């Protein structure tokens, strides 16, 4: 039953997309694509290595809850970067339009997955638990919108990404009691890098704009990975 519902949403969204022009922004030249591919390649390789090491460490030395959080985060990180690589390297076509929905949906997954290791540690606190549930609920809503109404709410989605990313500030007090200071600092630094990168994400006329934007993404993801490492097993 759940599969039938998901399939209906997917193909209704595809039918809607077919009634509009494919909107991928401007066309990037060869050098821009190469630069973007290199940035993505570096991100995917290090994500695979980092996620594997983190999951191994969590499996051997931490609790079941932290091990599950490590798996969720690791898979979310790898999937998001791998999908982004595939989408951005794919030539303009109907297939790319489908990949676009997966790419934008994966951002919601990455944000929620990144929060999970930090919030699981304080899930005994109702404020932190509510934040964790709220973030994942928002992620699922965002994924639904991206699959059902592709291309319609792109600017709204950017605001939603930012709101999710900084929502932890609402529970900073309880969170600061469960995480090391260095972890909190790294979370904030990573969030600032992501937010600064949005400037280049919307600056479509700038040459190498996409590669620069994804450079910010990979850098911020690396900082947040470091934050997760300092948090797990603490």
C-alpha atoms as a PDB file:
ATOM      1  CA  UNK A   1       0.000   0.000   0.000  1.00  0.00           C
ATOM      2  CA  UNK A   2       2.746   2.481   0.932  1.00  0.00           C
ATOM      3  CA  UNK A   3       4.585   1.642  -2.290  1.00  0.00           C
ATOM      4  CA  UNK A   4       1.428   2.321  -4.334  1.00  0.00           C
ATOM      5  CA  UNK A   5       1.005   5.716  -2.650  1.00  0.00           C
ATOM      6  CA  UNK A   6       4.649   6.619  -3.279  1.00  0.00           C
ATOM      7  CA  UNK A   7       4.366   5.484  -6.896  1.00  0.00           C
ATOM      8  CA  UNK A   8       1.242   7.608  -7.405  1.00  0.00           C
ATOM      9  CA  UNK A   9       2.932  10.707  -5.977  1.00  0.00           C
ATOM     10  CA  UNK A  10       6.012  10.119  -8.135  1.00  0.00           C
ATOM     11  CA  UNK A  11       4.166   9.775 -11.435  1.00  0.00           C
ATOM     12  CA  UNK A  12       1.713  12.577 -10.692  1.00  0.00           C
ATOM     13  CA  UNK A  13       4.727  14.799 -10.111  1.00  0.00           C
ATOM     14  CA  UNK A  14       6.291  13.583 -13.346  1.00  0.00           C
ATOM     15  CA  UNK A  15       3.116  14.367 -15.285  1.00  0.00           C
ATOM     16  CA  UNK A  16       3.076  17.851 -13.791  1.00  0.00           C
ATOM     17  CA  UNK A  17       6.701  18.384 -14.758  1.00  0.00           C
ATOM     18  CA  UNK A  18       6.003  17.374 -18.336  1.00  0.00           C
ATOM     19  CA  UNK A  19       3.523  20.239 -18.672  1.00  0.00           C
ATOM     20  CA  UNK A  20       6.262  22.799 -17.929  1.00  0.00           C
ATOM     21  CA  UNK A  21       9.571  23.575 -19.591  1.00  0.00           C
ATOM     22  CA  UNK A  22      12.565  21.866 -18.067  1.00  0.00           C
ATOM     23  CA  UNK A  23      14.197  24.453 -15.798  1.00  0.00           C
ATOM     24  CA  UNK A  24      17.767  23.667 -14.907  1.00  0.00           C
ATOM     25  CA  UNK A  25      19.139  27.222 -14.805  1.00  0.00           C
ATOM     26  CA  UNK A  26      21.745  28.231 -17.328  1.00  0.00           C
ATOM     27  CA  UNK A  27      23.847  25.785 -19.336  1.00  0.00           C
ATOM     28  CA  UNK A  28      27.364  25.310 -17.962  1.00  0.00           C
ATOM     29  CA  UNK A  29      30.364  25.099 -20.270  1.00  0.00           C
ATOM     30  CA  UNK A  30      32.864  22.231 -20.353  1.00  0.00           C
ATOM     31  CA  UNK A  31      35.316  23.776 -17.895  1.00  0.00           C
ATOM     32  CA  UNK A  32      32.559  24.563 -15.409  1.00  0.00           C
ATOM     33  CA  UNK A  33      31.295  20.983 -15.587  1.00  0.00           C
ATOM     34  CA  UNK A  34      34.802  19.597 -15.076  1.00  0.00           C
ATOM     35  CA  UNK A  35      35.334  21.834 -12.041  1.00  0.00           C
ATOM     36  CA  UNK A  36      31.972  20.832 -10.602  1.00  0.00           C
ATOM     37  CA  UNK A  37      32.703  17.163 -11.265  1.00  0.00           C
ATOM     38  CA  UNK A  38      36.038  17.383  -9.447  1.00  0.00           C
ATOM     39  CA  UNK A  39      34.427  19.041  -6.426  1.00  0.00           C
ATOM     40  CA  UNK A  40      31.708  16.399  -6.329  1.00  0.00           C
ATOM     41  CA  UNK A  41      34.186  13.575  -6.844  1.00  0.00           C
ATOM     42  CA  UNK A  42      36.281  14.704  -3.899  1.00  0.00           C
ATOM     43  CA  UNK A  43      33.163  14.973  -1.768  1.00  0.00           C
ATOM     44  CA  UNK A  44      31.818  11.530  -2.675  1.00  0.00           C
ATOM     45  CA  UNK A  45      35.164   9.752  -2.134  1.00  0.00           C
ATOM     46  CA  UNK A  46      35.791  11.308   1.254  1.00  0.00           C
ATOM     47  CA  UNK A  47      32.152  10.787   2.262  1.00  0.00           C
ATOM     48  CA  UNK A  48      32.448   7.066   1.522  1.00  0.00           C
ATOM     49  CA  UNK A  49      35.690   6.778   3.479  1.00  0.00           C
ATOM     50  CA  UNK A  50      34.479   8.926   6.349  1.00  0.00           C
ATOM     51  CA  UNK A  51      31.082   7.259   6.657  1.00  0.00           C
ATOM     52  CA  UNK A  52      32.643   3.791   6.649  1.00  0.00           C
ATOM     53  CA  UNK A  53      35.125   4.737   9.376  1.00  0.00           C
ATOM     54  CA  UNK A  54      32.435   6.429  11.469  1.00  0.00           C
ATOM     55  CA  UNK A  55      30.026   3.496  11.238  1.00  0.00           C
ATOM     56  CA  UNK A  56      32.799   1.038  12.137  1.00  0.00           C
ATOM     57  CA  UNK A  57      33.768   3.111  15.172  1.00  0.00           C
ATOM     58  CA  UNK A  58      30.157   3.516  16.306  1.00  0.00           C
ATOM     59  CA  UNK A  59      29.444  -0.188  15.856  1.00  0.00           C
ATOM     60  CA  UNK A  60      32.408  -1.249  17.989  1.00  0.00           C
ATOM     61  CA  UNK A  61      32.565   1.402  20.707  1.00  0.00           C
ATOM     62  CA  UNK A  62      29.208   3.153  21.156  1.00  0.00           C
ATOM     63  CA  UNK A  63      25.602   2.420  22.123  1.00  0.00           C
ATOM     64  CA  UNK A  64      22.959   1.010  19.791  1.00  0.00           C
ATOM     65  CA  UNK A  65      21.304   4.421  19.536  1.00  0.00           C
ATOM     66  CA  UNK A  66      24.538   6.119  18.479  1.00  0.00           C
ATOM     67  CA  UNK A  67      25.319   3.269  16.089  1.00  0.00           C
ATOM     68  CA  UNK A  68      21.918   3.737  14.429  1.00  0.00           C
ATOM     69  CA  UNK A  69      22.500   7.494  14.279  1.00  0.00           C
ATOM     70  CA  UNK A  70      25.893   6.920  12.649  1.00  0.00           C
ATOM     71  CA  UNK A  71      24.287   4.720   9.987  1.00  0.00           C
ATOM     72  CA  UNK A  72      21.560   7.284   9.309  1.00  0.00           C
ATOM     73  CA  UNK A  73      24.058  10.119   9.058  1.00  0.00           C
ATOM     74  CA  UNK A  74      26.580   8.165   6.979  1.00  0.00           C
ATOM     75  CA  UNK A  75      23.991   6.958   4.482  1.00  0.00           C
ATOM     76  CA  UNK A  76      22.400  10.408   4.269  1.00  0.00           C
ATOM     77  CA  UNK A  77      25.758  12.043   3.562  1.00  0.00           C
ATOM     78  CA  UNK A  78      26.830   9.563   0.882  1.00  0.00           C
ATOM     79  CA  UNK A  79      23.433   9.465  -0.820  1.00  0.00           C
ATOM     80  CA  UNK A  80      23.110  13.261  -0.918  1.00  0.00           C
ATOM     81  CA  UNK A  81      26.543  13.797  -2.475  1.00  0.00           C
ATOM     82  CA  UNK A  82      26.218  10.852  -4.879  1.00  0.00           C
ATOM     83  CA  UNK A  83      22.797  11.986  -6.097  1.00  0.00           C
ATOM     84  CA  UNK A  84      24.059  15.562  -6.459  1.00  0.00           C
ATOM     85  CA  UNK A  85      27.020  14.330  -8.520  1.00  0.00           C
ATOM     86  CA  UNK A  86      24.767  12.276 -10.797  1.00  0.00           C
ATOM     87  CA  UNK A  87      22.242  15.066 -11.290  1.00  0.00           C
ATOM     88  CA  UNK A  88      24.757  17.837 -11.962  1.00  0.00           C
ATOM     89  CA  UNK A  89      26.798  15.765 -14.422  1.00  0.00           C
ATOM     90  CA  UNK A  90      23.765  14.448 -16.329  1.00  0.00           C
ATOM     91  CA  UNK A  91      22.966  16.197 -19.654  1.00  0.00           C
ATOM     92  CA  UNK A  92      19.723  18.174 -19.949  1.00  0.00           C
ATOM     93  CA  UNK A  93      16.921  15.696 -20.566  1.00  0.00           C
ATOM     94  CA  UNK A  94      13.783  14.237 -19.039  1.00  0.00           C
ATOM     95  CA  UNK A  95      15.974  11.942 -16.977  1.00  0.00           C
ATOM     96  CA  UNK A  96      17.756  14.962 -15.530  1.00  0.00           C
ATOM     97  CA  UNK A  97      14.379  16.427 -14.591  1.00  0.00           C
ATOM     98  CA  UNK A  98      13.657  13.287 -12.547  1.00  0.00           C
ATOM     99  CA  UNK A  99      17.125  13.378 -10.990  1.00  0.00           C
ATOM    100  CA  UNK A 100      16.522  17.001 -10.059  1.00  0.00           C
ATOM    101  CA  UNK A 101      13.736  15.968  -7.708  1.00  0.00           C
ATOM    102  CA  UNK A 102      15.946  13.339  -6.111  1.00  0.00           C
ATOM    103  CA  UNK A 103      18.775  15.850  -5.742  1.00  0.00           C
ATOM    104  CA  UNK A 104      16.617  18.469  -4.035  1.00  0.00           C
ATOM    105  CA  UNK A 105      14.930  15.831  -1.865  1.00  0.00           C
ATOM    106  CA  UNK A 106      18.317  14.495  -0.783  1.00  0.00           C
ATOM    107  CA  UNK A 107      19.143  17.888   0.728  1.00  0.00           C
ATOM    108  CA  UNK A 108      16.255  17.465   3.156  1.00  0.00           C
ATOM    109  CA  UNK A 109      17.553  13.997   3.987  1.00  0.00           C
ATOM    110  CA  UNK A 110      21.086  15.295   4.554  1.00  0.00           C
ATOM    111  CA  UNK A 111      19.967  18.053   6.922  1.00  0.00           C
ATOM    112  CA  UNK A 112      17.827  15.687   9.000  1.00  0.00           C
ATOM    113  CA  UNK A 113      20.476  12.953   8.932  1.00  0.00           C
ATOM    114  CA  UNK A 114      23.163  15.396  10.077  1.00  0.00           C
ATOM    115  CA  UNK A 115      21.059  16.508  13.025  1.00  0.00           C
ATOM    116  CA  UNK A 116      20.342  12.931  14.116  1.00  0.00           C
ATOM    117  CA  UNK A 117      23.678  12.047  15.832  1.00  0.00           C
ATOM    118  CA  UNK A 118      23.595  15.308  17.784  1.00  0.00           C
ATOM    119  CA  UNK A 119      19.982  15.066  18.930  1.00  0.00           C
ATOM    120  CA  UNK A 120      19.933  11.335  19.689  1.00  0.00           C
ATOM    121  CA  UNK A 121      22.357  11.951  22.541  1.00  0.00           C
ATOM    122  CA  UNK A 122      19.813  14.173  24.285  1.00  0.00           C
ATOM    123  CA  UNK A 123      16.627  12.434  23.162  1.00  0.00           C
ATOM    124  CA  UNK A 124      15.648  11.876  26.812  1.00  0.00           C
ATOM    125  CA  UNK A 125      14.896  15.624  26.904  1.00  0.00           C
ATOM    126  CA  UNK A 126      11.440  16.319  25.436  1.00  0.00           C
ATOM    127  CA  UNK A 127      12.612  19.563  23.806  1.00  0.00           C
ATOM    128  CA  UNK A 128      15.418  17.819  21.940  1.00  0.00           C
ATOM    129  CA  UNK A 129      13.210  14.849  21.047  1.00  0.00           C
ATOM    130  CA  UNK A 130      10.523  17.203  19.718  1.00  0.00           C
ATOM    131  CA  UNK A 131      13.133  18.988  17.615  1.00  0.00           C
ATOM    132  CA  UNK A 132      14.365  15.683  16.173  1.00  0.00           C
ATOM    133  CA  UNK A 133      10.840  14.578  15.274  1.00  0.00           C
ATOM    134  CA  UNK A 134      10.027  18.018  13.863  1.00  0.00           C
ATOM    135  CA  UNK A 135      13.121  18.086  11.660  1.00  0.00           C
ATOM    136  CA  UNK A 136      12.394  14.673  10.164  1.00  0.00           C
ATOM    137  CA  UNK A 137       8.711  15.560   9.700  1.00  0.00           C
ATOM    138  CA  UNK A 138       9.731  18.728   7.859  1.00  0.00           C
ATOM    139  CA  UNK A 139      12.140  16.702   5.739  1.00  0.00           C
ATOM    140  CA  UNK A 140       9.364  14.333   4.668  1.00  0.00           C
ATOM    141  CA  UNK A 141       7.083  17.269   3.843  1.00  0.00           C
ATOM    142  CA  UNK A 142       9.868  18.828   1.770  1.00  0.00           C
ATOM    143  CA  UNK A 143      10.468  15.562  -0.072  1.00  0.00           C
ATOM    144  CA  UNK A 144       6.746  15.298  -0.834  1.00  0.00           C
ATOM    145  CA  UNK A 145       6.674  18.836  -2.248  1.00  0.00           C
ATOM    146  CA  UNK A 146       9.745  18.186  -4.391  1.00  0.00           C
ATOM    147  CA  UNK A 147       8.296  14.952  -5.785  1.00  0.00           C
ATOM    148  CA  UNK A 148       4.726  16.166  -6.200  1.00  0.00           C
ATOM    149  CA  UNK A 149       5.406  19.728  -7.413  1.00  0.00           C
ATOM    150  CA  UNK A 150       8.845  19.701  -9.061  1.00  0.00           C
ATOM    151  CA  UNK A 151      10.208  23.104 -10.006  1.00  0.00           C
ATOM    152  CA  UNK A 152       7.388  25.091  -8.409  1.00  0.00           C
ATOM    153  CA  UNK A 153       8.690  25.996  -4.967  1.00  0.00           C
ATOM    154  CA  UNK A 154      12.451  26.266  -5.421  1.00  0.00           C
ATOM    155  CA  UNK A 155      12.909  29.542  -3.532  1.00  0.00           C
ATOM    156  CA  UNK A 156      10.588  28.375  -0.784  1.00  0.00           C
ATOM    157  CA  UNK A 157      12.677  25.208  -0.543  1.00  0.00           C
ATOM    158  CA  UNK A 158      15.849  27.261  -0.021  1.00  0.00           C
ATOM    159  CA  UNK A 159      14.185  29.072   2.877  1.00  0.00           C
ATOM    160  CA  UNK A 160      13.023  25.729   4.251  1.00  0.00           C
ATOM    161  CA  UNK A 161      16.555  24.319   4.030  1.00  0.00           C
ATOM    162  CA  UNK A 162      17.904  27.310   5.963  1.00  0.00           C
ATOM    163  CA  UNK A 163      15.104  27.140   8.546  1.00  0.00           C
ATOM    164  CA  UNK A 164      15.766  23.446   9.147  1.00  0.00           C
ATOM    165  CA  UNK A 165      19.493  24.006   9.317  1.00  0.00           C
ATOM    166  CA  UNK A 166      19.258  26.708  11.973  1.00  0.00           C
ATOM    167  CA  UNK A 167      16.294  25.243  13.889  1.00  0.00           C
ATOM    168  CA  UNK A 168      18.708  23.809  16.442  1.00  0.00           C
ATOM    169  CA  UNK A 169      19.151  27.317  17.823  1.00  0.00           C
ATOM    170  CA  UNK A 170      15.682  26.979  19.385  1.00  0.00           C
ATOM    171  CA  UNK A 171      16.991  24.210  21.640  1.00  0.00           C
ATOM    172  CA  UNK A 172      20.532  25.487  22.090  1.00  0.00           C
ATOM    173  CA  UNK A 173      20.291  25.381  25.883  1.00  0.00           C
ATOM    174  CA  UNK A 174      19.395  21.675  26.225  1.00  0.00           C
ATOM    175  CA  UNK A 175      21.658  20.695  23.319  1.00  0.00           C
ATOM    176  CA  UNK A 176      24.665  22.472  24.839  1.00  0.00           C
ATOM    177  CA  UNK A 177      24.299  20.300  27.941  1.00  0.00           C
ATOM    178  CA  UNK A 178      24.683  17.070  25.963  1.00  0.00           C
ATOM    179  CA  UNK A 179      27.394  17.997  23.441  1.00  0.00           C
ATOM    180  CA  UNK A 180      31.038  19.093  23.875  1.00  0.00           C
ATOM    181  CA  UNK A 181      31.825  22.758  23.242  1.00  0.00           C
ATOM    182  CA  UNK A 182      34.001  21.865  20.236  1.00  0.00           C
ATOM    183  CA  UNK A 183      31.049  20.022  18.685  1.00  0.00           C
ATOM    184  CA  UNK A 184      28.783  23.043  19.053  1.00  0.00           C
ATOM    185  CA  UNK A 185      31.445  25.302  17.559  1.00  0.00           C
ATOM    186  CA  UNK A 186      31.889  23.014  14.551  1.00  0.00           C
ATOM    187  CA  UNK A 187      28.123  22.813  14.030  1.00  0.00           C
ATOM    188  CA  UNK A 188      27.865  26.602  13.944  1.00  0.00           C
ATOM    189  CA  UNK A 189      30.871  26.975  11.625  1.00  0.00           C
ATOM    190  CA  UNK A 190      29.448  24.386   9.231  1.00  0.00           C
ATOM    191  CA  UNK A 191      26.062  26.101   9.273  1.00  0.00           C
ATOM    192  CA  UNK A 192      27.662  29.453   8.468  1.00  0.00           C
ATOM    193  CA  UNK A 193      29.556  27.915   5.537  1.00  0.00           C
ATOM    194  CA  UNK A 194      26.374  26.357   4.149  1.00  0.00           C
ATOM    195  CA  UNK A 195      24.505  29.653   4.543  1.00  0.00           C
ATOM    196  CA  UNK A 196      27.276  31.679   2.890  1.00  0.00           C
ATOM    197  CA  UNK A 197      27.282  29.251  -0.025  1.00  0.00           C
ATOM    198  CA  UNK A 198      23.625  30.011  -0.753  1.00  0.00           C
ATOM    199  CA  UNK A 199      24.801  33.374  -2.123  1.00  0.00           C
ATOM    200  CA  UNK A 200      26.611  31.543  -4.926  1.00  0.00           C
ATOM    201  CA  UNK A 201      23.775  29.058  -5.348  1.00  0.00           C
ATOM    202  CA  UNK A 202      21.443  31.864  -6.456  1.00  0.00           C
ATOM    203  CA  UNK A 203      24.150  33.868  -8.285  1.00  0.00           C
ATOM    204  CA  UNK A 204      23.608  32.021 -11.560  1.00  0.00           C
ATOM    205  CA  UNK A 205      25.366  34.543 -13.809  1.00  0.00           C
ATOM    206  CA  UNK A 206      28.700  34.026 -12.064  1.00  0.00           C
ATOM    207  CA  UNK A 207      31.035  31.711 -13.974  1.00  0.00           C
ATOM    208  CA  UNK A 208      31.836  28.521 -12.050  1.00  0.00           C
ATOM    209  CA  UNK A 209      28.911  29.422  -9.787  1.00  0.00           C
ATOM    210  CA  UNK A 210      27.792  25.810  -9.425  1.00  0.00           C
ATOM    211  CA  UNK A 211      31.268  24.503  -8.635  1.00  0.00           C
ATOM    212  CA  UNK A 212      31.779  27.252  -6.047  1.00  0.00           C
ATOM    213  CA  UNK A 213      28.431  26.513  -4.435  1.00  0.00           C
ATOM    214  CA  UNK A 214      29.189  22.819  -4.224  1.00  0.00           C
ATOM    215  CA  UNK A 215      32.633  23.651  -2.857  1.00  0.00           C
ATOM    216  CA  UNK A 216      30.879  25.359   0.044  1.00  0.00           C
ATOM    217  CA  UNK A 217      28.624  22.319   0.443  1.00  0.00           C
ATOM    218  CA  UNK A 218      31.513  19.843   0.562  1.00  0.00           C
ATOM    219  CA  UNK A 219      33.482  22.052   2.953  1.00  0.00           C
ATOM    220  CA  UNK A 220      30.513  22.511   5.285  1.00  0.00           C
ATOM    221  CA  UNK A 221      29.775  18.780   5.159  1.00  0.00           C
ATOM    222  CA  UNK A 222      33.390  18.068   6.145  1.00  0.00           C
ATOM    223  CA  UNK A 223      33.113  20.442   9.109  1.00  0.00           C
ATOM    224  CA  UNK A 224      29.868  18.817  10.220  1.00  0.00           C
ATOM    225  CA  UNK A 225      31.455  15.387   9.818  1.00  0.00           C
ATOM    226  CA  UNK A 226      34.148  16.514  12.244  1.00  0.00           C
ATOM    227  CA  UNK A 227      31.402  17.647  14.610  1.00  0.00           C
ATOM    228  CA  UNK A 228      29.735  14.234  14.437  1.00  0.00           C
ATOM    229  CA  UNK A 229      33.059  12.519  15.165  1.00  0.00           C
ATOM    230  CA  UNK A 230      33.553  14.653  18.284  1.00  0.00           C
ATOM    231  CA  UNK A 231      30.000  13.928  19.440  1.00  0.00           C
ATOM    232  CA  UNK A 232      29.704  10.175  18.917  1.00  0.00           C
ATOM    233  CA  UNK A 233      31.065   8.203  21.826  1.00  0.00           C
ATOM    234  CA  UNK A 234      31.507  11.319  23.978  1.00  0.00           C
END
